Amino acid sequence: MSDAATHATNKLLPPTAETLTALANIVGAQIPDKSGSQPVGMDKDVYLSNWEALNAAVHEIVLDLGGSISAEHGIGRMKRELLPHAKGAVAMELMRLIKTSFDPNGIFNPGKLL
């Protein structure tokens, strides 16, 4: 991660839309709508080559501020590895217990998340 990105994730920049835009600029992207979507006209390979650095910086800020890594579509496979860091051991165990109570045979989406 660049020095500028490290500073941003160390909360030297305020946690605002401007911060997210600054992070995007650090990794060579521009996010005019703050959505994290590939900017119109940006080379796909350039965007994808910076995807992990941008996501790591954004997720760190979000989690530091007590935010959530999920949205209307849940966690999904892309954020699976981040979930234990965001929720902690107790929450993960509670989710496993709830899933087991509804799916004791493990047939609903086997191996996908919990």
Foldseek 3Di string as FASTA:
>chain_A
DDPVLVCLLVVVDPPDLVSLQVLQVVLPAGDPPSPLDHDPPDDPVSSVVSSVSSVVSNVSVQLVVVHDPADPVGQFQVCQVVVCVSQPDVVVVVVVVVVCVVPVPCPPPRPGHD
